[in-house]
Amino acid sequence: MADLNYAKYISELVARARKAAAIAENFTQEQVDELCEAIAWNCVQSPFKEDCARLLVEESRMGVFENKVTKIENKVRGVWRDMKGQKSVGLVEDNKELGIKKYAKPMGVIGAVMPCTNGEATPMCKAMFAIKSRNAIIFSAHPRARKTAVLVADLIRKVLKKYGAPEDLVIAIDPEYVSVEASAELMKQCDFLMATGGTPMVRSAYSSGTPAIGVGTGNVVSIIDGTTDLNKVAEMIVASKANDNATSCSTENNIVVLESCYDEWVKAMEAHGAVLFKEGSKEREQIIHALWPNTPADHVLNRDIVARSAMDIAKYAGVEVPAGTKVIMCEENGGYGNEYPLTGEKLSPVSGVRKVKTFEDALDACDAILHYQGLGHSCGIHSSVEEHIEAVSLRMKVCKVVVNAPQSLTNSGSWTSGYPMSLTLGCGTWGHNSISWNATWKDLLNYTFVSYPIPNTKPSDEELFDGRTFEL
C-alpha cells in the first residue's frame, strides 16, 4: 500500500530482533538445543501441522494438503535430526595438529525471504536454523503465504516464551506490510539474508548490499538408460512429479529416455497414472499453450496452472485424460530454448519427454536443457551402470546428482539420502549462488579462528618437489 512507511516499519522490526539476538548471544549450547527440540516437537504436532498445511493451500491456491502435512513432518524432524548433538556455541573445533581453535558466533538478524510454494515447512526450518546459531530471524513471506508465516511465527514465539527466550527471536512481517517493498527493506537492513525463491528475487538479495545465500532456478533433467527396473523407475518419477502438485523446483521437468527402453518405460508410467501426448498431437499443443499462453513470444508461465493438479491442468487446457491422471508428459524431440518451451521449468505435474538413440545423446540432451534453464541446480539418472553415473557426475554443471531415487523427494534431504534436510538448495556460481550445498544452520554462523604456535612445518625442497627439477 502506497501510504505505508516500509523503511520505518522494517527498522522497528530489526531493532526488536537485534535486541533479542543480543540476549541469545549468551545462550549456552544446552539452551539452544532445548529450544530447537521444543520448536521441532511443537511444529509436527496435530492439529497445528494440519492447520498450517490447510491455510497455505487456501491462501496460495497451490499444492496438496496431505503432501504438505507430510512435508512438515519429514523436513522439521529431519532438520532437528541433522542438528541434534552438533556444536554451534563457543569452541566447536580444536585441531591440535594445526594449533587452530574454531569458535562459532552468531551473525545477528537473519532476513528470511520465502516463496509460497513451500511456505509451510520453510519458515519452520529457517527458524530452527536461526535459533541453533543464536540468531534472530524475520520472515518475509510471499503475499500468498503471509498468513501461514504469521501462524508459524506465533507458534514458535509461544515456544520461546515458555522456555524463557525472547519472543522476538522470531518475527513475521505483518500481513498488511507483506510486499516487494517490505522485502527490499529487509534485505537492506538485516545482517544476513537467506533467500529462497525465484531467480529475480534471489538476484535482488545478492544485489542488496547485504551478505546473502540464495538458490537458483530449477529445471531438473532425469536420464533413464533402461538398466534398472522400469516399473520402479516410473513409480519413483510419478511420486516425485505429482508430490504437492510439483511445488518443488526439484521435480523431473524433463526426462531423457534411451529408445531401447522407451516404449516399455512409457507403459510403466501409464500404469502409475501418467499420460503421454506425442509430438504432432493436438493435445500436446493445447497443454503447451495452457502453460505458456504467449508462446513463442515469451516463456512466461501461466500462474493459473502453477502447482495445480494434472487433472486441473488438463481441464484448463481442454484436454481429456483418464480419471486419476497424476502426471502429464509431452514429447519434445526438437531443439531447446524459448521456441521449445517444454525444455524449461514448469512448476506443475507436466514433464517434457525426449527419446534418444545412445547414452552420449542423452548426455548431450541433458546438458543442452540445463544450459537453457537450471544450471547449477540438479539432475538425476536411473541406471545400474557406474560409468553412466560417473559420466553424468563429471559432465553436468549441477550441484546435486540423484541416482535411482525420486528427485524432488531426495534433493532437499530425505530419510534415505545423505543430503542435509533443507529447503534452501545452493546452485553454485552456475546458478548465480554463493554456495553449492543445501543451506543449514552452519551457514548462519561467523567463525573466529585462533592460532597457537606449532613445530616448524617447512619442508626441504627435496621433500616438497619429490626430488624433481623443472628448469626451463
Protein backbone atom coordinates (compact mmCIF):
# COMPACT_ATOMS: atom_id res chain seq x y z
CA MET A 1 0.00 0.00 0.00
CA ALA A 2 1.32 3.39 -1.04
CA ASP A 3 0.78 5.11 2.33
CA LEU A 4 2.77 2.58 4.35
CA ASN A 5 6.25 3.58 5.53
CA TYR A 6 8.10 0.34 4.84
CA ALA A 7 11.54 1.62 5.85
CA LYS A 8 10.33 2.75 9.27
CA TYR A 9 8.30 -0.41 9.86
CA ILE A 10 11.16 -2.75 8.97
CA SER A 11 13.64 -0.71 11.03
CA GLU A 12 11.37 -1.23 14.06
CA LEU A 13 11.25 -4.99 13.46
CA VAL A 14 15.02 -5.15 13.04
CA ALA A 15 15.53 -3.19 16.27
CA ARG A 16 13.32 -5.64 18.15
CA ALA A 17 15.10 -8.62 16.60
CA ARG A 18 18.52 -7.14 17.33
CA LYS A 19 17.61 -6.68 21.00
CA ALA A 20 16.52 -10.32 21.21
CA ALA A 21 19.66 -11.51 19.39
CA ALA A 22 21.84 -9.70 21.94
CA ILE A 23 20.28 -11.87 24.63
CA ALA A 24 20.54 -15.07 22.60
CA GLU A 25 24.24 -14.42 22.02
CA ASN A 26 24.81 -15.51 25.62
CA PHE A 27 22.79 -18.73 25.39
CA THR A 28 24.54 -21.99 26.21
CA GLN A 29 24.58 -24.96 23.85
CA GLU A 30 22.08 -26.68 26.13
CA GLN A 31 19.65 -23.74 25.94
CA VAL A 32 19.92 -23.56 22.16
CA ASP A 33 19.32 -27.26 21.70
CA GLU A 34 16.37 -27.33 24.10
CA LEU A 35 14.72 -24.51 22.15
CA CYS A 36 15.27 -26.20 18.79
CA GLU A 37 13.95 -29.52 20.06
CA ALA A 38 10.86 -27.86 21.54
CA ILE A 39 10.21 -25.95 18.30
CA ALA A 40 10.53 -29.12 16.23
CA TRP A 41 8.26 -31.09 18.54
CA ASN A 42 5.52 -28.45 18.52
CA CYS A 43 5.64 -27.93 14.75
CA VAL A 44 4.95 -31.60 13.99
CA GLN A 45 2.04 -31.96 16.41
CA SER A 46 -1.62 -32.13 15.45
CA PRO A 47 -3.69 -30.13 14.81
CA PHE A 48 -1.04 -27.45 14.16
CA LYS A 49 0.64 -29.16 11.19
CA GLU A 50 -2.75 -29.76 9.58
CA ASP A 51 -3.88 -26.19 10.25
CA CYS A 52 -0.69 -24.86 8.71
CA ALA A 53 -0.92 -27.06 5.62
CA ARG A 54 -4.60 -26.26 5.13
CA LEU A 55 -4.06 -22.50 5.46
CA LEU A 56 -1.25 -22.48 2.92
CA VAL A 57 -3.30 -24.44 0.38
CA GLU A 58 -6.14 -21.95 0.86
CA GLU A 59 -4.14 -18.74 0.57
CA SER A 60 -1.61 -19.87 -2.05
CA ARG A 61 -4.14 -21.89 -4.08
CA MET A 62 -1.31 -24.35 -4.70
CA GLY A 63 -0.29 -27.82 -3.69
CA VAL A 64 -1.88 -30.77 -1.89
CA PHE A 65 -2.92 -30.67 1.76
CA GLU A 66 -1.79 -34.22 2.58
CA ASN A 67 1.60 -33.73 0.92
CA LYS A 68 2.17 -30.50 2.84
CA VAL A 69 1.44 -32.25 6.13
CA THR A 70 3.97 -34.94 5.22
CA LYS A 71 6.49 -32.29 4.20
CA ILE A 72 6.21 -30.62 7.60
CA GLU A 73 6.55 -33.95 9.39
CA ASN A 74 9.64 -35.02 7.46
CA LYS A 75 11.54 -31.75 6.99
CA VAL A 76 11.14 -30.49 10.54
CA ARG A 77 12.06 -33.83 12.06
CA GLY A 78 14.96 -34.13 9.63
CA VAL A 79 16.32 -30.68 10.42
CA TRP A 80 16.29 -31.50 14.13
CA ARG A 81 17.88 -34.90 13.45
CA ASP A 82 20.69 -33.24 11.49
CA MET A 83 21.46 -30.58 14.11
CA LYS A 84 20.93 -32.69 17.24
CA GLY A 85 24.18 -33.01 19.21
CA GLN A 86 26.08 -30.69 16.86
CA LYS A 87 28.16 -27.88 18.38
CA SER A 88 27.12 -24.36 17.42
CA VAL A 89 28.13 -22.38 20.52
CA GLY A 90 31.63 -21.29 21.52
CA LEU A 91 34.53 -23.67 20.82
CA VAL A 92 33.35 -26.00 18.08
CA GLU A 93 36.68 -27.37 16.84
CA ASP A 94 40.16 -27.84 18.34
CA ASN A 95 42.79 -29.07 15.87
CA LYS A 96 45.86 -29.91 17.96
CA GLU A 97 47.98 -30.79 14.92
CA LEU A 98 47.49 -27.38 13.28
CA GLY A 99 47.21 -25.47 16.53
CA ILE A 100 43.89 -23.98 15.43
CA LYS A 101 40.80 -23.46 17.55
CA LYS A 102 37.48 -22.53 15.94
CA TYR A 103 34.79 -20.54 17.73
CA ALA A 104 31.25 -20.18 16.39
CA LYS A 105 29.46 -16.86 16.75
CA PRO A 106 26.03 -15.60 15.60
CA MET A 107 25.52 -13.15 12.75
CA GLY A 108 22.71 -11.16 14.34
CA VAL A 109 19.45 -10.63 12.46
CA ILE A 110 18.65 -13.00 9.59
CA GLY A 111 16.27 -11.92 6.86
CA ALA A 112 14.33 -14.91 5.54
CA VAL A 113 12.70 -14.25 2.16
CA MET A 114 10.45 -17.17 1.27
CA PRO A 115 8.22 -18.47 -1.56
CA CYS A 116 4.58 -19.50 -1.38
CA THR A 117 5.32 -22.92 -2.89
CA ASN A 118 6.94 -24.19 0.31
CA GLY A 119 5.55 -21.62 2.70
CA GLU A 120 4.69 -24.18 5.37
CA ALA A 121 7.95 -26.02 6.18
CA THR A 122 10.41 -23.31 5.05
CA PRO A 123 9.75 -20.86 7.91
CA MET A 124 9.84 -23.69 10.45
CA CYS A 125 13.21 -24.96 9.24
CA LYS A 126 14.73 -21.49 8.87
CA ALA A 127 13.63 -20.57 12.39
CA MET A 128 15.37 -23.67 13.73
CA PHE A 129 18.50 -22.82 11.73
CA ALA A 130 18.48 -19.32 13.26
CA ILE A 131 17.94 -20.44 16.85
CA LYS A 132 20.60 -23.16 16.56
CA SER A 133 23.10 -20.47 15.56
CA ARG A 134 21.82 -17.96 18.20
CA ASN A 135 20.44 -15.52 15.66
CA ALA A 136 17.13 -13.71 15.41
CA ILE A 137 15.11 -14.14 12.21
CA ILE A 138 12.48 -12.09 10.40
CA PHE A 139 10.14 -13.84 7.96
CA SER A 140 9.34 -12.04 4.72
CA ALA A 141 6.74 -14.28 3.14
CA HIS A 142 5.30 -14.29 -0.36
CA PRO A 143 1.99 -12.37 -0.41
CA ARG A 144 0.18 -15.66 -1.00
CA ALA A 145 1.77 -17.19 2.13
CA ARG A 146 1.63 -14.23 4.52
CA LYS A 147 -0.94 -15.71 6.91
CA THR A 148 0.89 -19.03 7.09
CA ALA A 149 4.13 -17.27 8.03
CA VAL A 150 2.36 -15.49 10.87
CA LEU A 151 0.80 -18.76 12.05
CA VAL A 152 4.23 -20.42 12.16
CA ALA A 153 5.87 -17.43 13.86
CA ASP A 154 3.14 -17.23 16.51
CA LEU A 155 3.61 -20.89 17.46
CA ILE A 156 7.39 -20.58 17.69
CA ARG A 157 7.10 -17.37 19.70
CA LYS A 158 4.94 -19.27 22.23
CA VAL A 159 7.64 -21.93 22.50
CA LEU A 160 10.34 -19.31 23.01
CA LYS A 161 8.32 -17.58 25.73
CA LYS A 162 7.64 -20.85 27.56
CA TYR A 163 11.36 -21.65 27.71
CA GLY A 164 12.44 -18.17 28.80
CA ALA A 165 13.82 -16.93 25.49
CA PRO A 166 12.92 -13.59 23.84
CA GLU A 167 9.89 -13.99 21.59
CA ASP A 168 11.38 -11.52 19.13
CA LEU A 169 13.97 -14.06 18.07
CA VAL A 170 11.29 -14.97 15.50
CA ILE A 171 9.19 -12.26 13.84
CA ALA A 172 6.91 -12.40 10.82
CA ILE A 173 6.20 -9.27 8.80
CA ASP A 174 2.60 -8.24 9.42
CA PRO A 175 0.31 -9.33 6.55
CA GLU A 176 -0.59 -5.70 5.91
CA TYR A 177 3.06 -4.94 5.13
CA VAL A 178 3.96 -8.05 3.14
CA SER A 179 5.16 -6.79 -0.23
CA VAL A 180 8.11 -6.44 -2.57
CA GLU A 181 8.87 -3.13 -0.85
CA ALA A 182 8.99 -4.71 2.60
CA SER A 183 11.27 -7.50 1.36
CA ALA A 184 13.57 -4.93 -0.24
CA GLU A 185 13.82 -3.01 3.02
CA LEU A 186 14.52 -6.18 5.00
CA MET A 187 17.26 -7.06 2.52
CA LYS A 188 18.90 -3.70 3.19
CA GLN A 189 18.55 -3.63 6.96
CA CYS A 190 19.24 -7.15 8.23
CA ASP A 191 22.69 -8.64 8.86
CA PHE A 192 22.38 -11.66 6.57
CA LEU A 193 19.87 -12.91 4.00
CA MET A 194 18.69 -16.45 3.42
CA ALA A 195 16.64 -16.13 0.24
CA THR A 196 14.54 -18.96 -1.16
CA GLY A 197 12.52 -18.31 -4.31
CA GLY A 198 12.73 -17.40 -7.96
CA THR A 199 15.83 -16.11 -9.72
CA PRO A 200 14.76 -12.41 -9.83
CA MET A 201 14.21 -12.35 -6.06
CA VAL A 202 17.49 -14.12 -5.35
CA ARG A 203 19.38 -11.72 -7.59
CA SER A 204 17.78 -8.83 -5.70
CA ALA A 205 19.04 -10.38 -2.47
CA TYR A 206 22.58 -10.64 -3.81
CA SER A 207 22.49 -7.04 -5.09
CA SER A 208 21.06 -5.61 -1.85
CA GLY A 209 24.45 -4.91 -0.31
CA THR A 210 23.77 -7.42 2.48
CA PRO A 211 25.64 -10.75 2.61
CA ALA A 212 23.29 -13.43 1.30
CA ILE A 213 22.63 -17.05 0.49
CA GLY A 214 20.19 -17.71 -2.36
CA VAL A 215 19.07 -20.51 -4.64
CA GLY A 216 18.83 -20.73 -8.41
CA THR A 217 16.20 -21.80 -10.90
CA GLY A 218 15.37 -25.48 -11.01
CA ASN A 219 14.75 -27.40 -14.22
CA VAL A 220 15.65 -30.94 -13.33
CA VAL A 221 16.53 -33.43 -16.07
CA SER A 222 16.46 -37.18 -15.42
CA ILE A 223 18.12 -39.75 -17.67
CA ILE A 224 16.78 -43.30 -17.99
CA ASP A 225 19.06 -45.84 -19.65
CA GLY A 226 16.89 -48.95 -19.16
CA THR A 227 19.33 -50.84 -16.93
CA THR A 228 17.10 -50.69 -13.84
CA ASP A 229 13.55 -51.90 -13.12
CA LEU A 230 11.41 -49.58 -15.25
CA ASN A 231 8.32 -50.19 -13.14
CA LYS A 232 10.17 -48.90 -10.07
CA VAL A 233 11.58 -46.00 -12.09
CA ALA A 234 8.07 -44.99 -13.16
CA GLU A 235 6.76 -45.33 -9.62
CA MET A 236 9.50 -43.01 -8.32
CA ILE A 237 9.07 -40.41 -11.04
CA VAL A 238 5.30 -40.19 -10.62
CA ALA A 239 5.66 -39.97 -6.83
CA SER A 240 8.18 -37.17 -7.23
CA LYS A 241 6.45 -35.24 -10.00
CA ALA A 242 2.96 -35.39 -8.50
CA ASN A 243 4.03 -34.64 -4.92
CA ASP A 244 2.36 -31.44 -3.72
CA ASN A 245 1.41 -30.78 -7.37
CA ALA A 246 5.09 -30.14 -8.19
CA THR A 247 5.53 -27.09 -5.96
CA SER A 248 9.15 -28.17 -5.59
CA CYS A 249 11.72 -26.81 -8.07
CA SER A 250 13.29 -30.29 -7.87
CA THR A 251 10.70 -32.28 -9.81
CA GLU A 252 11.57 -34.09 -13.06
CA ASN A 253 10.80 -31.31 -15.56
CA ASN A 254 12.47 -33.14 -18.44
CA ILE A 255 13.01 -36.87 -18.86
CA VAL A 256 15.52 -38.22 -21.39
CA VAL A 257 14.98 -41.88 -22.26
CA LEU A 258 17.00 -44.23 -24.45
CA GLU A 259 14.95 -45.55 -27.36
CA SER A 260 15.83 -49.13 -26.43
CA CYS A 261 13.58 -48.90 -23.36
CA TYR A 262 11.32 -46.00 -24.32
CA ASP A 263 8.10 -47.88 -25.12
CA GLU A 264 8.37 -50.12 -22.07
CA TRP A 265 9.02 -47.10 -19.84
CA VAL A 266 6.00 -45.21 -21.25
CA LYS A 267 3.77 -48.19 -20.47
CA ALA A 268 5.14 -48.32 -16.93
CA MET A 269 4.48 -44.59 -16.48
CA GLU A 270 0.91 -45.00 -17.74
CA ALA A 271 0.38 -47.84 -15.27
CA HIS A 272 1.31 -45.46 -12.45
CA GLY A 273 -1.01 -42.65 -13.52
CA ALA A 274 0.86 -40.72 -16.23
CA VAL A 275 -0.38 -39.89 -19.72
CA LEU A 276 1.77 -39.17 -22.78
CA PHE A 277 0.93 -36.79 -25.64
CA LYS A 278 3.11 -37.35 -28.68
CA GLU A 279 4.65 -34.76 -30.95
CA GLY A 280 2.20 -33.50 -33.55
CA SER A 281 -0.85 -34.20 -31.40
CA LYS A 282 -3.47 -31.54 -30.80
CA GLU A 283 -3.46 -32.30 -27.08
CA ARG A 284 0.26 -31.58 -26.78
CA GLU A 285 -0.20 -28.13 -28.33
CA GLN A 286 -3.12 -27.40 -26.02
CA ILE A 287 -1.03 -28.28 -22.95
CA ILE A 288 1.84 -26.09 -24.17
CA HIS A 289 -0.44 -23.09 -24.68
CA ALA A 290 -2.10 -23.64 -21.31
CA LEU A 291 1.31 -23.46 -19.62
CA TRP A 292 2.78 -20.68 -21.77
CA PRO A 293 -0.08 -18.60 -23.23
CA ASN A 294 2.25 -16.23 -25.07
CA THR A 295 4.50 -18.82 -26.66
CA PRO A 296 6.51 -18.40 -28.81
CA ALA A 297 6.72 -14.69 -27.94
CA ASP A 298 7.96 -15.46 -24.43
CA HIS A 299 8.37 -18.28 -21.95
CA VAL A 300 6.38 -16.81 -19.04
CA LEU A 301 4.48 -19.49 -17.15
CA ASN A 302 0.74 -19.14 -16.69
CA ARG A 303 0.38 -18.55 -12.94
CA ASP A 304 -3.10 -20.09 -13.02
CA ILE A 305 -1.63 -23.55 -13.64
CA VAL A 306 1.37 -23.41 -11.26
CA ALA A 307 1.16 -26.23 -8.70
CA ARG A 308 -2.28 -27.32 -9.91
CA SER A 309 -3.11 -31.00 -10.35
CA ALA A 310 -2.69 -32.80 -13.67
CA MET A 311 -6.46 -33.20 -13.87
CA ASP A 312 -7.00 -29.45 -13.34
CA ILE A 313 -4.40 -28.56 -15.97
CA ALA A 314 -5.94 -30.96 -18.48
CA LYS A 315 -9.37 -29.42 -17.89
CA TYR A 316 -7.93 -25.91 -18.21
CA ALA A 317 -6.29 -26.90 -21.50
CA GLY A 318 -9.43 -28.56 -22.80
CA VAL A 319 -7.77 -31.97 -22.96
CA GLU A 320 -9.34 -35.27 -21.95
CA VAL A 321 -7.21 -37.56 -19.78
CA PRO A 322 -8.03 -40.76 -17.87
CA ALA A 323 -9.59 -40.27 -14.44
CA GLY A 324 -6.95 -40.15 -11.74
CA THR A 325 -4.15 -38.92 -14.03
CA LYS A 326 -1.27 -37.70 -11.86
CA VAL A 327 1.34 -36.62 -14.42
CA ILE A 328 1.10 -35.25 -17.96
CA MET A 329 4.00 -36.00 -20.32
CA CYS A 330 4.59 -34.26 -23.64
CA GLU A 331 7.16 -35.38 -26.17
CA GLU A 332 9.80 -32.87 -27.22
CA ASN A 333 12.39 -34.23 -29.64
CA GLY A 334 13.25 -30.93 -31.28
CA GLY A 335 15.57 -28.20 -30.05
CA TYR A 336 15.98 -26.28 -26.82
CA GLY A 337 15.03 -22.83 -25.56
CA ASN A 338 12.11 -20.42 -25.86
CA GLU A 339 10.98 -21.91 -29.16
CA TYR A 340 10.72 -25.27 -27.37
CA PRO A 341 9.08 -24.30 -24.06
CA LEU A 342 8.76 -27.89 -22.85
CA THR A 343 12.52 -27.83 -22.24
CA GLY A 344 12.01 -25.25 -19.45
CA GLU A 345 10.78 -25.30 -15.87
CA LYS A 346 7.07 -25.95 -15.42
CA LEU A 347 6.26 -25.85 -11.68
CA SER A 348 3.43 -28.26 -12.38
CA PRO A 349 2.98 -32.03 -12.83
CA VAL A 350 3.89 -31.73 -16.51
CA SER A 351 7.12 -33.20 -17.91
CA GLY A 352 8.85 -32.91 -21.26
CA VAL A 353 9.98 -36.28 -22.61
CA ARG A 354 12.78 -36.83 -25.11
CA LYS A 355 13.74 -40.08 -26.88
CA VAL A 356 17.44 -40.54 -27.77
CA LYS A 357 19.43 -43.24 -29.52
CA THR A 358 22.57 -43.50 -27.38
CA PHE A 359 23.71 -42.65 -23.89
CA GLU A 360 26.01 -40.00 -25.35
CA ASP A 361 22.93 -38.44 -26.94
CA ALA A 362 21.29 -38.46 -23.52
CA LEU A 363 24.23 -36.58 -22.03
CA ASP A 364 24.07 -34.02 -24.82
CA ALA A 365 20.35 -33.51 -24.29
CA CYS A 366 20.67 -33.17 -20.53
CA ASP A 367 23.49 -30.65 -20.93
CA ALA A 368 21.58 -28.59 -23.50
CA ILE A 369 18.43 -28.43 -21.38
CA LEU A 370 20.36 -27.35 -18.29
CA HIS A 371 22.15 -24.65 -20.26
CA TYR A 372 18.76 -23.31 -21.27
CA GLN A 373 17.37 -23.37 -17.72
CA GLY A 374 18.50 -24.93 -14.47
CA LEU A 375 22.30 -24.72 -14.49
CA GLY A 376 23.70 -25.48 -11.05
CA HIS A 377 20.56 -26.96 -9.56
CA SER A 378 20.39 -30.72 -10.09
CA CYS A 379 19.80 -33.66 -12.39
CA GLY A 380 19.18 -37.36 -11.98
CA ILE A 381 19.87 -40.72 -13.53
CA HIS A 382 18.26 -44.15 -13.25
CA SER A 383 21.00 -46.63 -14.09
CA SER A 384 22.95 -49.63 -12.82
CA VAL A 385 25.98 -48.72 -14.96
CA GLU A 386 28.53 -46.91 -12.82
CA GLU A 387 30.26 -45.48 -15.88
CA HIS A 388 26.98 -43.79 -16.88
CA ILE A 389 26.51 -42.35 -13.40
CA GLU A 390 30.09 -41.09 -13.34
CA ALA A 391 29.71 -39.54 -16.79
CA VAL A 392 26.70 -37.52 -15.59
CA SER A 393 28.51 -36.52 -12.40
CA LEU A 394 31.62 -35.36 -14.26
CA ARG A 395 29.94 -33.52 -17.11
CA MET A 396 26.82 -31.81 -15.79
CA LYS A 397 27.21 -28.36 -14.23
CA VAL A 398 24.92 -29.09 -11.30
CA CYS A 399 25.44 -29.23 -7.55
CA LYS A 400 23.35 -32.36 -6.96
CA VAL A 401 23.03 -35.60 -8.92
CA VAL A 402 20.36 -38.00 -7.67
CA VAL A 403 20.86 -41.68 -8.52
CA ASN A 404 17.99 -44.17 -8.68
CA ALA A 405 15.68 -42.11 -6.49
CA PRO A 406 12.72 -39.70 -6.79
CA GLN A 407 14.32 -36.32 -7.44
CA SER A 408 12.05 -33.93 -5.53
CA LEU A 409 11.87 -36.28 -2.55
CA THR A 410 15.67 -36.51 -2.38
CA ASN A 411 17.23 -33.14 -3.29
CA SER A 412 16.26 -31.40 -0.07
CA GLY A 413 17.22 -34.37 2.08
CA SER A 414 15.29 -37.50 2.97
CA TRP A 415 15.44 -40.46 5.31
CA THR A 416 17.08 -42.49 2.53
CA SER A 417 19.51 -39.81 1.33
CA GLY A 418 22.60 -38.29 2.91
CA TYR A 419 21.77 -34.78 1.67
CA PRO A 420 21.10 -32.42 4.61
CA MET A 421 17.45 -31.60 5.26
CA SER A 422 16.82 -28.11 3.92
CA LEU A 423 14.51 -26.17 1.62
CA THR A 424 17.24 -23.76 0.50
CA LEU A 425 19.31 -25.54 -2.14
CA GLY A 426 22.51 -23.85 -3.29
CA CYS A 427 23.30 -23.97 -7.00
CA GLY A 428 26.88 -22.67 -7.11
CA THR A 429 28.07 -19.95 -9.44
CA TRP A 430 26.34 -21.80 -12.31
CA GLY A 431 23.03 -20.77 -10.72
CA HIS A 432 24.34 -17.36 -9.59
CA ASN A 433 24.61 -18.59 -5.98
CA SER A 434 27.37 -18.31 -3.39
CA ILE A 435 27.08 -21.91 -2.14
CA SER A 436 26.92 -25.35 -3.77
CA TRP A 437 25.18 -27.25 -0.97
CA ASN A 438 21.91 -27.40 0.96
CA ALA A 439 21.96 -24.39 3.29
CA THR A 440 21.63 -25.19 7.01
CA TRP A 441 22.31 -23.56 10.38
CA LYS A 442 26.05 -23.88 9.70
CA ASP A 443 25.68 -21.16 7.05
CA LEU A 444 24.32 -18.71 9.64
CA LEU A 445 27.47 -18.61 11.75
CA ASN A 446 30.58 -16.47 11.76
CA TYR A 447 33.77 -18.17 12.90
CA THR A 448 36.76 -16.91 14.83
CA PHE A 449 39.94 -18.90 14.24
CA VAL A 450 42.65 -18.84 16.90
CA SER A 451 46.21 -19.90 16.04
CA TYR A 452 48.73 -21.33 18.53
CA PRO A 453 52.43 -21.92 17.69
CA ILE A 454 53.26 -25.39 16.37
CA PRO A 455 56.59 -27.02 15.42
CA ASN A 456 58.08 -25.71 12.16
CA THR A 457 56.40 -27.41 9.19
CA LYS A 458 58.62 -26.05 6.40
CA PRO A 459 59.75 -28.99 4.19
CA SER A 460 63.04 -29.22 2.36
CA ASP A 461 62.99 -28.77 -1.44
CA GLU A 462 63.75 -32.47 -1.74
CA GLU A 463 60.57 -33.29 0.20
CA LEU A 464 58.42 -30.58 -1.37
CA PHE A 465 59.27 -31.31 -5.01
CA ASP A 466 59.95 -35.06 -4.60
CA GLY A 467 63.50 -34.58 -5.79
CA ARG A 468 62.38 -33.23 -9.21
CA THR A 469 63.53 -30.13 -11.04
CA PHE A 470 61.59 -28.05 -13.54
CA GLU A 471 64.19 -25.99 -15.35
CA LEU A 472 63.14 -24.01 -18.42
